[in-house]
Every structure is written in structure tokens, then in C-alpha cells.
Protein backbone atom coordinates (compact mmCIF):
# COMPACT_ATOMS: atom_id res chain seq x y z
CA UNK A 1 -10.98 23.97 -4.27
CA UNK A 2 -7.19 24.04 -4.47
CA UNK A 3 -5.47 23.41 -1.11
CA UNK A 4 -3.71 26.44 0.34
CA UNK A 5 -0.06 25.84 1.14
CA UNK A 6 0.00 28.59 3.76
CA UNK A 7 -2.76 26.76 5.63
CA UNK A 8 -1.82 23.07 5.50
CA UNK A 9 1.92 23.75 5.83
CA UNK A 10 1.25 25.03 9.36
CA UNK A 11 -1.17 22.26 10.34
CA UNK A 12 1.24 19.57 11.50
CA UNK A 13 3.25 19.45 14.71
CA UNK A 14 5.83 16.99 13.35
CA UNK A 15 6.41 18.27 9.80
CA UNK A 16 8.09 21.54 8.85
CA UNK A 17 7.35 22.51 5.24
CA UNK A 18 8.95 24.89 2.79
CA UNK A 19 8.33 25.31 -0.95
CA UNK A 20 10.35 27.19 -3.55
CA UNK A 21 9.40 28.94 -6.77
CA UNK A 22 9.86 25.71 -8.76
CA UNK A 23 7.25 23.84 -6.75
CA UNK A 24 9.83 21.79 -4.83
CA UNK A 25 8.35 21.14 -1.40
CA UNK A 26 10.53 19.96 1.48
CA UNK A 27 8.97 17.99 4.32
CA UNK A 28 11.25 17.86 7.36
CA UNK A 29 10.13 15.49 10.12
CA UNK A 30 10.79 16.60 13.69
CA UNK A 31 9.67 16.52 17.32
CA UNK A 32 9.83 19.94 18.99
CA UNK A 33 12.44 21.02 16.49
CA UNK A 34 14.72 18.02 17.09
CA UNK A 35 14.89 14.55 15.55
CA UNK A 36 11.51 12.90 15.13
CA UNK A 37 10.44 10.60 17.96
CA UNK A 38 7.91 8.13 16.62
CA UNK A 39 4.60 7.60 18.40
CA UNK A 40 0.87 7.94 18.08
CA UNK A 41 1.02 11.61 17.05
CA UNK A 42 3.30 11.34 13.98
CA UNK A 43 1.70 8.00 13.09
CA UNK A 44 -1.61 9.86 12.87
CA UNK A 45 -0.32 13.07 11.31
CA UNK A 46 1.82 11.86 8.45
CA UNK A 47 -0.93 10.14 6.50
CA UNK A 48 -3.02 13.31 6.54
CA UNK A 49 0.06 15.38 5.72
CA UNK A 50 0.86 13.26 2.67
CA UNK A 51 -2.76 13.60 1.55
CA UNK A 52 -2.58 17.40 1.73
CA UNK A 53 0.74 17.52 -0.10
CA UNK A 54 -0.52 15.16 -2.78
CA UNK A 55 -3.71 17.15 -3.32
CA UNK A 56 -1.91 20.42 -4.09
CA UNK A 57 -1.10 20.70 -7.83
CA UNK A 58 1.50 23.39 -7.12
CA UNK A 59 3.73 20.75 -5.48
CA UNK A 60 5.87 19.42 -8.32
CA UNK A 61 8.64 17.49 -6.51
CA UNK A 62 8.73 16.39 -2.87
CA UNK A 63 11.86 16.13 -0.71
CA UNK A 64 11.55 14.13 2.52
CA UNK A 65 14.15 14.46 5.26
CA UNK A 66 14.60 14.36 9.02
CA UNK A 67 16.05 16.75 11.59
CA UNK A 68 19.54 16.75 13.02
CA UNK A 69 21.71 13.67 12.64
CA UNK A 70 18.92 11.04 12.66
CA UNK A 71 16.00 10.22 10.41
CA UNK A 72 13.79 8.26 12.83
CA UNK A 73 15.45 6.14 15.50
CA UNK A 74 13.40 6.60 18.70
CA UNK A 75 9.89 5.77 19.90
CA UNK A 76 7.85 7.34 22.69
CA UNK A 77 5.58 5.48 25.13
CA UNK A 78 2.27 6.64 23.67
CA UNK A 79 1.19 3.09 22.80
CA UNK A 80 2.34 1.37 25.98
CA UNK A 81 -0.49 -0.34 27.86
CA UNK A 82 -2.93 -3.17 27.39
CA UNK A 83 -3.90 -3.70 23.76
CA UNK A 84 -7.62 -3.35 23.12
CA UNK A 85 -9.65 -3.71 19.92
CA UNK A 86 -10.40 0.02 19.95
CA UNK A 87 -6.74 0.96 20.34
CA UNK A 88 -5.66 -1.34 17.55
CA UNK A 89 -8.46 -0.13 15.28
CA UNK A 90 -6.92 3.35 15.45
CA UNK A 91 -3.42 2.02 14.77
CA UNK A 92 -4.77 -0.11 11.92
CA UNK A 93 -6.54 2.81 10.22
CA UNK A 94 -3.60 5.18 10.51
CA UNK A 95 -1.13 2.46 9.53
CA UNK A 96 -2.92 1.79 6.25
CA UNK A 97 -3.24 5.52 5.55
CA UNK A 98 0.44 6.23 6.23
CA UNK A 99 1.97 4.37 3.29
CA UNK A 100 -1.10 4.57 1.08
CA UNK A 101 -1.19 8.36 1.11
CA UNK A 102 2.58 8.53 0.66
CA UNK A 103 2.35 6.57 -2.58
CA UNK A 104 -0.73 8.55 -3.63
CA UNK A 105 1.43 11.68 -3.93
CA UNK A 106 1.29 12.25 -7.68
CA UNK A 107 4.75 13.74 -8.22
CA UNK A 108 8.28 12.38 -7.71
CA UNK A 109 9.51 11.98 -4.14
CA UNK A 110 13.16 12.22 -3.11
CA UNK A 111 14.34 11.02 0.30
CA UNK A 112 17.34 12.65 1.95
CA UNK A 113 18.03 10.26 4.83
CA UNK A 114 20.01 12.25 7.35
CA UNK A 115 21.08 9.49 9.71
CA UNK A 116 19.96 6.25 11.38
CA UNK A 117 16.60 5.03 10.11
CA UNK A 118 15.43 2.29 12.45
CA UNK A 119 11.74 3.17 12.85
CA UNK A 120 9.54 3.37 9.74
CA UNK A 121 12.53 3.58 7.43
CA UNK A 122 10.16 2.39 4.70
CA UNK A 123 8.75 5.94 4.54
CA UNK A 124 12.10 7.01 3.11
CA UNK A 125 13.13 3.98 1.07
CA UNK A 126 9.81 3.93 -0.80
CA UNK A 127 10.83 7.22 -2.44
CA UNK A 128 11.62 7.39 -6.14
CA UNK A 129 15.16 8.61 -5.44
CA UNK A 130 16.83 7.72 -2.14
CA UNK A 131 20.07 9.31 -0.99
CA UNK A 132 21.66 8.88 2.42
CA UNK A 133 24.23 10.57 4.60
CA UNK A 134 27.37 8.52 5.18
CA UNK A 135 26.54 7.83 8.83
CA UNK A 136 23.10 6.44 8.03
CA UNK A 137 22.21 2.86 8.85
CA UNK A 138 19.00 0.89 8.59
CA UNK A 139 17.28 -1.69 10.79
CA UNK A 140 13.80 -2.68 11.84
CA UNK A 141 14.10 -1.89 15.53
CA UNK A 142 10.55 -2.04 16.94
CA UNK A 143 9.20 -5.35 15.68
CA UNK A 144 10.23 -9.00 15.80
CA UNK A 145 13.09 -8.86 18.28
CA UNK A 146 10.71 -7.20 20.76
CA UNK A 147 7.93 -9.70 20.22
CA UNK A 148 5.91 -7.69 17.69
CA UNK A 149 4.80 -8.98 14.29
CA UNK A 150 6.46 -6.88 11.53
CA UNK A 151 3.19 -6.41 9.67
CA UNK A 152 2.76 -2.68 9.11
CA UNK A 153 4.30 -2.61 5.65
CA UNK A 154 7.89 -3.51 6.47
CA UNK A 155 7.03 -7.12 5.61
CA UNK A 156 6.32 -5.94 2.07
CA UNK A 157 8.92 -3.22 1.55
CA UNK A 158 12.11 -4.90 2.76
CA UNK A 159 11.70 -8.21 0.88
CA UNK A 160 10.82 -6.14 -2.20
CA UNK A 161 14.02 -4.08 -1.90
CA UNK A 162 16.45 -6.69 -0.61
CA UNK A 163 15.02 -9.83 -2.19
CA UNK A 164 12.81 -12.35 -0.42
CA UNK A 165 15.49 -14.17 1.58
CA UNK A 166 17.58 -11.15 2.51
CA UNK A 167 14.43 -9.23 3.44
CA UNK A 168 13.15 -11.94 5.76
CA UNK A 169 16.59 -12.26 7.35
CA UNK A 170 16.69 -8.49 7.88
CA UNK A 171 13.31 -8.49 9.68
CA UNK A 172 13.87 -11.64 11.75
CA UNK A 173 17.39 -10.87 12.99
CA UNK A 174 17.34 -7.11 13.51
CA UNK A 175 20.21 -6.79 11.03
CA UNK A 176 21.86 -3.41 10.66
CA UNK A 177 22.66 -2.27 7.13
CA UNK A 178 25.12 0.59 6.75
CA UNK A 179 24.76 3.28 4.14
CA UNK A 180 27.56 1.72 2.11
CA UNK A 181 25.89 -1.70 2.27
CA UNK A 182 22.54 -0.15 1.36
CA UNK A 183 24.16 1.40 -1.70
CA UNK A 184 25.64 -1.94 -2.77
CA UNK A 185 22.27 -3.66 -2.23
CA UNK A 186 20.35 -1.07 -4.23
CA UNK A 187 18.34 0.28 -1.28
CA UNK A 188 19.78 3.76 -1.79
CA UNK A 189 21.09 5.38 -4.96
CA UNK A 190 23.69 7.74 -3.53
CA UNK A 191 25.66 8.15 -0.30
CA UNK A 192 27.05 11.60 0.42
CA UNK A 193 28.61 13.47 3.34
CA UNK A 194 25.98 14.75 5.76
CA UNK A 195 26.82 18.37 5.01
CA UNK A 196 26.04 17.83 1.31
CA UNK A 197 22.89 15.73 1.72
CA UNK A 198 20.11 18.27 1.51
CA UNK A 199 21.84 20.29 -1.17
CA UNK A 200 22.19 17.19 -3.31
CA UNK A 201 18.51 16.30 -2.80
CA UNK A 202 17.44 19.76 -3.97
CA UNK A 203 19.86 19.62 -6.90
CA UNK A 204 18.17 16.40 -8.05
CA UNK A 205 14.74 17.92 -7.41
CA UNK A 206 15.58 20.89 -9.63
CA UNK A 207 16.57 18.54 -12.45
CA UNK A 208 13.25 16.69 -12.14
CA UNK A 209 11.28 19.93 -11.93
CA UNK A 210 12.38 20.89 -15.46
CA UNK A 211 9.91 18.37 -16.83
CA UNK A 212 6.28 19.24 -17.63
CA UNK A 213 3.68 18.63 -14.93
CA UNK A 214 2.09 15.77 -16.84
CA UNK A 215 5.45 14.02 -17.27
CA UNK A 216 6.12 14.31 -13.55
CA UNK A 217 2.70 13.01 -12.54
CA UNK A 218 2.36 10.22 -15.07
CA UNK A 219 5.90 8.94 -14.47
CA UNK A 220 5.27 8.82 -10.74
CA UNK A 221 2.06 6.90 -11.36
CA UNK A 222 3.79 4.40 -13.65
CA UNK A 223 6.64 3.81 -11.20
CA UNK A 224 4.51 3.42 -8.08
CA UNK A 225 1.57 1.39 -9.40
CA UNK A 226 3.22 -2.04 -8.82
CA UNK A 227 4.20 -1.02 -5.29
CA UNK A 228 0.70 0.23 -4.54
CA UNK A 229 -0.65 -3.16 -5.60
CA UNK A 230 1.70 -4.98 -3.24
CA UNK A 231 0.79 -2.74 -0.32
CA UNK A 232 -2.93 -2.89 -1.02
CA UNK A 233 -2.82 -6.68 -1.04
CA UNK A 234 -0.68 -7.10 2.07
CA UNK A 235 -0.64 -4.19 4.54
CA UNK A 236 -4.16 -4.64 5.91
CA UNK A 237 -3.54 -8.34 6.47
CA UNK A 238 -0.16 -7.67 8.07
CA UNK A 239 -1.55 -5.04 10.40
CA UNK A 240 -4.36 -7.38 11.44
CA UNK A 241 -1.81 -10.06 12.34
CA UNK A 242 0.35 -7.51 14.17
CA UNK A 243 -2.63 -6.41 16.25
CA UNK A 244 -3.77 -9.96 16.95
CA UNK A 245 -0.25 -10.90 17.96
CA UNK A 246 0.01 -7.92 20.29
CA UNK A 247 -3.32 -8.73 21.94
CA UNK A 248 -2.53 -12.45 22.30
CA UNK A 249 1.03 -12.02 23.55
CA UNK A 250 0.69 -8.94 25.78
CA UNK A 251 -2.86 -8.81 27.17
CA UNK A 252 -1.86 -7.19 30.45
CA UNK A 253 -0.14 -4.14 29.02
CA UNK A 254 3.50 -5.26 29.22
CA UNK A 255 3.96 -5.02 25.47
CA UNK A 256 6.64 -2.93 23.80
CA UNK A 257 5.30 0.01 21.84
CA UNK A 258 4.11 -1.06 18.39
CA UNK A 259 5.54 0.62 15.32
């Protein structure tokens, strides 16, 4: 049975969805209408959201963006407390689903990064086309510098995009990369003024949507298959190490929130 857009588009507290007559669906991440604050709820929701979007054949191009002047740059306290096997099992399952279901979307994905992306920036930079507002910058805020193993996929994505040595440096030092630097490094393809960002993303989406459905789907599959292989081989292992590290280092509940 074909998924109903009017049903699943209203099912998620942290994703506002719209779709036009060309099948271009926009997913705007938010918390209570403002910039998304990362935590257990969006970590759980987004994997299921991506699965719903990917299962609907009427979605022909996806545009991902955030709300306000930030993409994701804050974390709530939903994971604070002693790490237990049961708690990490939930994080582990949702962590694998998050990026897996994103890449399982069968049509091209465009990211319009509307500002600082310091928490789960890989959701955006894994897109087929990545454009950023001029005030955007990237870092991996929640992991190594706060005593957490960067094992939830960032350990795969950033070395893949930046090169092995630059990627490891980025994760180990908490380096900030500006939009201009990200353009020079090939992390993003365009940098535009914030006021033009979403319009440019939809302009690109309209160009892509001129292609037949099979061209859209098969091209997406061809472009993402190598990345899927990398994630399949490494994310489960990385998450296991992240959970083991959290349990070993912070058994009394003084740990920073995981990503």
C-alpha cells in the first residue's frame, strides 16, 4: 500500500514537511518551531521519517534544511545519566537506522544548510548536493573533546569527505570549518547568502525533477552504494565502541550527552 503523505507528514514532532506538484518534498528540522535541538526524540524520529519519505514513490527529490539561522548546533539533556546496556541498546539501534534510512531514500537529496552544523552535520553533508548559507560552519561538537568516542558515523563520513588525515584531525581537535573553507575542501558545492539558500535548493531540485523517475532512482542508487557499504561496515562497530567508552568512562552518570 502506498504511503499517504497527508498522514506521515504530520507524524513527526521535529520535521515539518511540504511537497509541491513536481514531487519535491522539503523536510525542515525544528524543535517547537525553532532551530532543532538534538536529543533522544529527534534521534529516534528521523530514521523513521526517512523511511517514510523513502517509501513514497511520489517523492521525487528531497530537500533537507533546518529552521532559523542554525542547522543543528545544540543538544538537550535527554541522555544525561548513568549509561546502562539497555540505554545504549536504544541509542545503538536508532543510530544505525538514522544514516541507513537516509541513504535508503531512493531519489536525490539536496541539503540546504542554514547555519552552524555542529551536531550530526553528517545528515546534511551526506546529501547528493550540499549548499550552505554564508554564515554556516561545521564542527563535531559532542564527541572527542567531551570524552565521547566519535563512533556514530562521523568517523566514516568526515575522513571520506576531507581525506583520512584531515578527517581525523577534524574529529580529534574539534576544528571549525567555515562555509568558505568547506567549499574549498569539497564538503559543500555552493555557498550562498542566507536569504537565497532555500530558493537555490528548490531551483536545483526543479532541475533534477525534470528527469524520469527511473533516472532519478537509479542515479541515486549508483551514487550512494559505495557510501552505504562504508557505513554498513563501520557504523555498528563505531557505535559499539562509543557505548563501551561511555560506560567505561562515565559509569556514575557524569557523562556528557552522547550524540
